[in-house]
Amino acid sequence: MIQQTVDEQNRALFWHRRKQLGTKPRNLMHESDLLLYWLEECLLSDLKVVPGWLMPRIAQLINQTDRDLQEELGRDRRPDQVMEVLFRAQEVLMAESVRSRTEAKVIPLFR
């Protein structure tokens, strides 16, 4: 029981730190990879429904990428369906990360 509480606190602290990193497309892309990992674990464990601690984080990521995907996510909590929506969110994030890139600042070596 105590170990479960410690695990929940560590998970909450992890997501709190992730939230503080900001909503840059690159950070969101990394976070979506982590969420896909957990969804794959759900599939390997033969879970029929995404766990309650994971779904709010997925919904928040979807809200930060594309509002239309939120409607697709809906109330369906099957891991394979949620993975499909996350893959579409990654597609949006990849396009945003390419658009947000700017040319590197050139630093003169000699004056």
Protein backbone atom coordinates (compact mmCIF):
# COMPACT_ATOMS: atom_id res chain seq x y z
CA MET A 1 0.00 0.00 0.00
CA ILE A 2 2.79 2.43 0.89
CA GLN A 3 4.72 1.45 -2.22
CA GLN A 4 1.68 2.20 -4.37
CA THR A 5 1.41 5.66 -2.80
CA VAL A 6 5.11 6.30 -3.43
CA ASP A 7 4.70 5.22 -7.06
CA GLU A 8 1.71 7.52 -7.53
CA GLN A 9 3.62 10.45 -6.02
CA ASN A 10 6.62 9.80 -8.26
CA ARG A 11 4.36 9.62 -11.30
CA ALA A 12 2.62 12.88 -10.34
CA LEU A 13 5.99 14.58 -9.80
CA PHE A 14 7.21 13.32 -13.17
CA TRP A 15 4.20 14.76 -15.00
CA HIS A 16 4.49 18.01 -13.05
CA ARG A 17 8.09 18.41 -14.21
CA ARG A 18 7.12 17.54 -17.77
CA LYS A 19 4.44 20.24 -17.71
CA GLN A 20 6.99 22.86 -16.65
CA LEU A 21 9.13 22.16 -19.73
CA GLY A 22 6.65 24.02 -21.87
CA THR A 23 4.70 23.19 -24.96
CA LYS A 24 7.40 23.29 -27.61
CA PRO A 25 6.71 20.84 -30.41
CA ARG A 26 9.96 19.00 -29.72
CA ASN A 27 9.10 18.51 -26.03
CA LEU A 28 5.56 17.43 -26.90
CA MET A 29 6.97 14.95 -29.43
CA HIS A 30 9.20 13.43 -26.77
CA GLU A 31 6.27 13.22 -24.38
CA SER A 32 4.11 11.54 -27.02
CA ASP A 33 6.83 8.91 -27.41
CA LEU A 34 6.67 8.22 -23.68
CA LEU A 35 2.89 7.94 -23.81
CA LEU A 36 3.12 5.54 -26.75
CA TYR A 37 5.50 3.42 -24.71
CA TRP A 38 2.89 3.13 -21.95
CA LEU A 39 0.18 2.34 -24.45
CA GLU A 40 2.35 -0.43 -25.89
CA GLU A 41 2.73 -1.79 -22.37
CA CYS A 42 -1.06 -1.79 -22.07
CA LEU A 43 -1.31 -3.84 -25.26
CA LEU A 44 1.35 -6.28 -24.07
CA SER A 45 -0.47 -6.68 -20.76
CA ASP A 46 -3.74 -7.35 -22.64
CA LEU A 47 -5.48 -4.43 -20.98
CA LYS A 48 -8.77 -3.61 -22.66
CA VAL A 49 -8.89 -0.03 -21.31
CA VAL A 50 -6.18 2.61 -20.91
CA PRO A 51 -5.47 3.13 -17.17
CA GLY A 52 -7.03 6.14 -15.48
CA TRP A 53 -3.69 7.72 -14.60
CA LEU A 54 -2.59 7.73 -18.26
CA MET A 55 -5.71 9.02 -20.00
CA PRO A 56 -5.69 12.60 -18.60
CA ARG A 57 -2.11 13.09 -19.74
CA ILE A 58 -2.96 11.81 -23.22
CA ALA A 59 -5.95 14.14 -23.39
CA GLN A 60 -3.80 17.10 -22.36
CA LEU A 61 -1.24 16.32 -25.05
CA ILE A 62 -3.97 16.00 -27.67
CA ASN A 63 -5.44 19.36 -26.58
CA GLN A 64 -2.06 21.04 -27.04
CA THR A 65 -1.61 19.69 -30.56
CA ASP A 66 -4.93 19.71 -32.43
CA ARG A 67 -8.46 20.24 -31.11
CA ASP A 68 -9.95 18.12 -33.90
CA LEU A 69 -8.06 15.11 -32.60
CA GLN A 70 -9.76 15.58 -29.24
CA GLU A 71 -13.08 14.76 -30.87
CA GLU A 72 -11.54 11.66 -32.44
CA LEU A 73 -10.23 10.55 -29.07
CA GLY A 74 -13.67 10.97 -27.55
CA ARG A 75 -14.46 8.57 -24.74
CA ASP A 76 -12.90 5.54 -26.38
CA ARG A 77 -10.21 4.19 -24.08
CA ARG A 78 -9.04 1.16 -26.05
CA PRO A 79 -5.23 1.26 -26.28
CA ASP A 80 -5.10 0.59 -30.03
CA GLN A 81 -7.57 3.39 -30.79
CA VAL A 82 -5.75 5.84 -28.51
CA MET A 83 -2.45 4.93 -30.19
CA GLU A 84 -3.90 5.81 -33.60
CA VAL A 85 -4.91 9.25 -32.32
CA LEU A 86 -1.45 9.76 -30.79
CA PHE A 87 0.18 8.85 -34.10
CA ARG A 88 -1.91 11.54 -35.79
CA ALA A 89 -0.88 13.99 -33.06
CA GLN A 90 2.76 13.15 -33.75
CA GLU A 91 2.18 13.91 -37.41
CA VAL A 92 0.92 17.38 -36.45
CA LEU A 93 3.85 17.89 -34.07
CA MET A 94 6.38 16.91 -36.72
CA ALA A 95 4.95 19.50 -39.10
CA GLU A 96 5.02 22.16 -36.37
CA SER A 97 8.60 21.37 -35.38
CA VAL A 98 9.75 21.72 -39.00
CA ARG A 99 7.90 25.05 -39.37
CA SER A 100 9.26 26.42 -36.09
CA ARG A 101 12.89 25.85 -36.99
CA THR A 102 14.91 28.90 -37.84
CA GLU A 103 18.35 29.27 -39.25
CA ALA A 104 21.16 29.00 -36.76
CA LYS A 105 22.90 32.16 -35.71
CA VAL A 106 26.33 32.38 -37.29
CA ILE A 107 29.06 33.18 -34.80
CA PRO A 108 32.03 34.90 -36.42
CA LEU A 109 35.31 33.22 -35.50
CA PHE A 110 37.56 36.12 -36.41
CA ARG A 111 36.94 39.84 -36.35
